[in-house]
Amino acid sequence: KEYPFVVGNFSSKAKQSVITANSLKIPLMGIHELSDNHFEVVKRDGELYIRDKGSPHGTIVNGEALSRYSLNATAKLKPGRNEVVAGGQESPVRFAITLPQKS
C-alpha cells in the first residue's frame, strides 16, 4: 500500500516474516542471497518498478539482472506474473509478483 516497499532478510530466531505497510522482512538465517535491505518496489507515474538497493548478489527481474552499481538498477514490472530473484540465477530466494492486466 505504501511505496517504496522494501524487501529484505533479518536476523531472528523467529520463523515468521514481519510485514508492515512498507516492508517485508524474512528471517532466512544462513541464506546469504537475500540482504537486509535487498530490493524495493517503487511507484513512478502509476507504474511499479523493482530497484536493487545495493545488495552484494544483485536482483533479477524477469530474467534482467539489476545492480545498484550498474546501468540497470531498476526494472519495470509488467501486467501478469513477474519473477523476482534475490541473488543470482541459482538463488533459492524467489518471489512472484502479480499485477492486474490493464484494460
Protein backbone atom coordinates (compact mmCIF):
# COMPACT_ATOMS: atom_id res chain seq x y z
CA LYS A 1 0.00 0.00 0.00
CA GLU A 2 2.94 2.33 0.62
CA TYR A 3 5.94 2.93 -1.62
CA PRO A 4 8.76 2.35 -1.59
CA PHE A 5 8.08 -1.17 -0.29
CA VAL A 6 11.36 -2.74 0.93
CA VAL A 7 12.08 -6.49 0.95
CA GLY A 8 14.94 -7.98 2.92
CA ASN A 9 16.35 -10.52 5.35
CA PHE A 10 16.66 -10.08 9.10
CA SER A 11 18.41 -11.96 11.84
CA SER A 12 15.90 -13.60 14.11
CA LYS A 13 15.33 -16.94 15.74
CA ALA A 14 11.66 -16.45 14.96
CA LYS A 15 10.41 -18.35 11.96
CA GLN A 16 7.81 -15.78 10.94
CA SER A 17 8.19 -12.94 8.50
CA VAL A 18 7.40 -9.40 9.56
CA ILE A 19 5.25 -7.36 7.22
CA THR A 20 4.33 -3.70 7.56
CA ALA A 21 2.67 -1.23 5.22
CA ASN A 22 6.03 -0.56 3.53
CA SER A 23 8.26 -3.58 4.16
CA LEU A 24 8.60 -7.35 4.23
CA LYS A 25 11.38 -8.84 6.35
CA ILE A 26 12.00 -12.58 6.09
CA PRO A 27 14.12 -14.48 8.66
CA LEU A 28 16.35 -16.58 6.39
CA MET A 29 19.29 -17.46 8.62
CA GLY A 30 22.14 -18.96 6.62
CA ILE A 31 20.72 -17.76 3.28
CA HIS A 32 23.06 -15.00 2.15
CA GLU A 33 21.44 -14.29 -1.21
CA LEU A 34 18.80 -12.07 0.47
CA SER A 35 20.37 -8.97 2.04
CA ASP A 36 18.91 -6.94 4.91
CA ASN A 37 17.52 -4.30 2.52
CA HIS A 38 17.75 -6.17 -0.75
CA PHE A 39 15.29 -4.55 -3.14
CA GLU A 40 12.31 -2.26 -3.14
CA VAL A 41 9.13 -1.83 -5.11
CA VAL A 42 8.76 1.78 -6.20
CA LYS A 43 5.90 3.55 -7.93
CA ARG A 44 6.55 6.13 -10.67
CA ASP A 45 3.91 7.66 -12.92
CA GLY A 46 1.43 4.94 -11.96
CA GLU A 47 3.85 2.12 -12.87
CA LEU A 48 5.63 -0.27 -10.49
CA TYR A 49 9.36 -0.95 -10.63
CA ILE A 50 11.84 -3.11 -8.73
CA ARG A 51 15.02 -1.32 -7.65
CA ASP A 52 18.06 -3.16 -6.29
CA LYS A 53 19.29 -1.42 -3.14
CA GLY A 54 22.94 -2.31 -3.49
CA SER A 55 22.75 -5.94 -2.45
CA PRO A 56 26.01 -7.87 -2.90
CA HIS A 57 24.34 -10.56 -5.03
CA GLY A 58 22.06 -8.32 -7.11
CA THR A 59 18.46 -8.87 -8.13
CA ILE A 60 16.96 -10.47 -11.24
CA VAL A 61 13.56 -9.33 -12.55
CA ASN A 62 12.01 -11.41 -15.34
CA GLY A 63 15.50 -12.51 -16.42
CA GLU A 64 17.03 -9.00 -16.30
CA ALA A 65 19.95 -8.63 -13.87
CA LEU A 66 19.88 -5.50 -11.73
CA SER A 67 22.56 -3.93 -9.58
CA ARG A 68 22.68 -0.56 -7.91
CA TYR A 69 26.25 -0.23 -9.15
CA SER A 70 25.49 -0.82 -12.83
CA LEU A 71 23.49 0.96 -15.51
CA ASN A 72 20.46 -1.19 -14.67
CA ALA A 73 19.31 -0.64 -11.11
CA THR A 74 15.58 -0.74 -11.87
CA ALA A 75 13.19 -2.85 -13.93
CA LYS A 76 9.55 -2.16 -14.72
CA LEU A 77 7.03 -4.78 -13.63
CA LYS A 78 4.65 -5.96 -16.34
CA PRO A 79 0.98 -6.89 -16.06
CA GLY A 80 0.61 -10.53 -15.08
CA ARG A 81 3.20 -12.65 -13.28
CA ASN A 82 6.70 -11.28 -12.62
CA GLU A 83 9.59 -13.29 -11.19
CA VAL A 84 11.99 -11.52 -8.83
CA VAL A 85 15.12 -13.41 -7.75
CA ALA A 86 17.20 -12.13 -4.84
CA GLY A 87 20.72 -13.08 -5.88
CA GLY A 88 21.97 -14.93 -8.93
CA GLN A 89 20.27 -17.46 -11.20
CA GLU A 90 20.86 -20.30 -8.71
CA SER A 91 19.40 -18.42 -5.72
CA PRO A 92 16.66 -20.21 -3.79
CA VAL A 93 15.10 -16.84 -2.86
CA ARG A 94 12.38 -16.15 -5.43
CA PHE A 95 9.26 -14.02 -5.39
CA ALA A 96 6.25 -13.97 -7.69
CA ILE A 97 4.65 -10.54 -8.03
CA THR A 98 1.42 -10.50 -9.99
CA LEU A 99 -0.05 -7.27 -11.32
CA PRO A 100 -3.56 -6.97 -12.74
CA GLN A 101 -3.93 -6.93 -16.50
CA LYS A 102 -4.60 -3.47 -17.89
CA SER A 103 -7.97 -2.97 -19.51
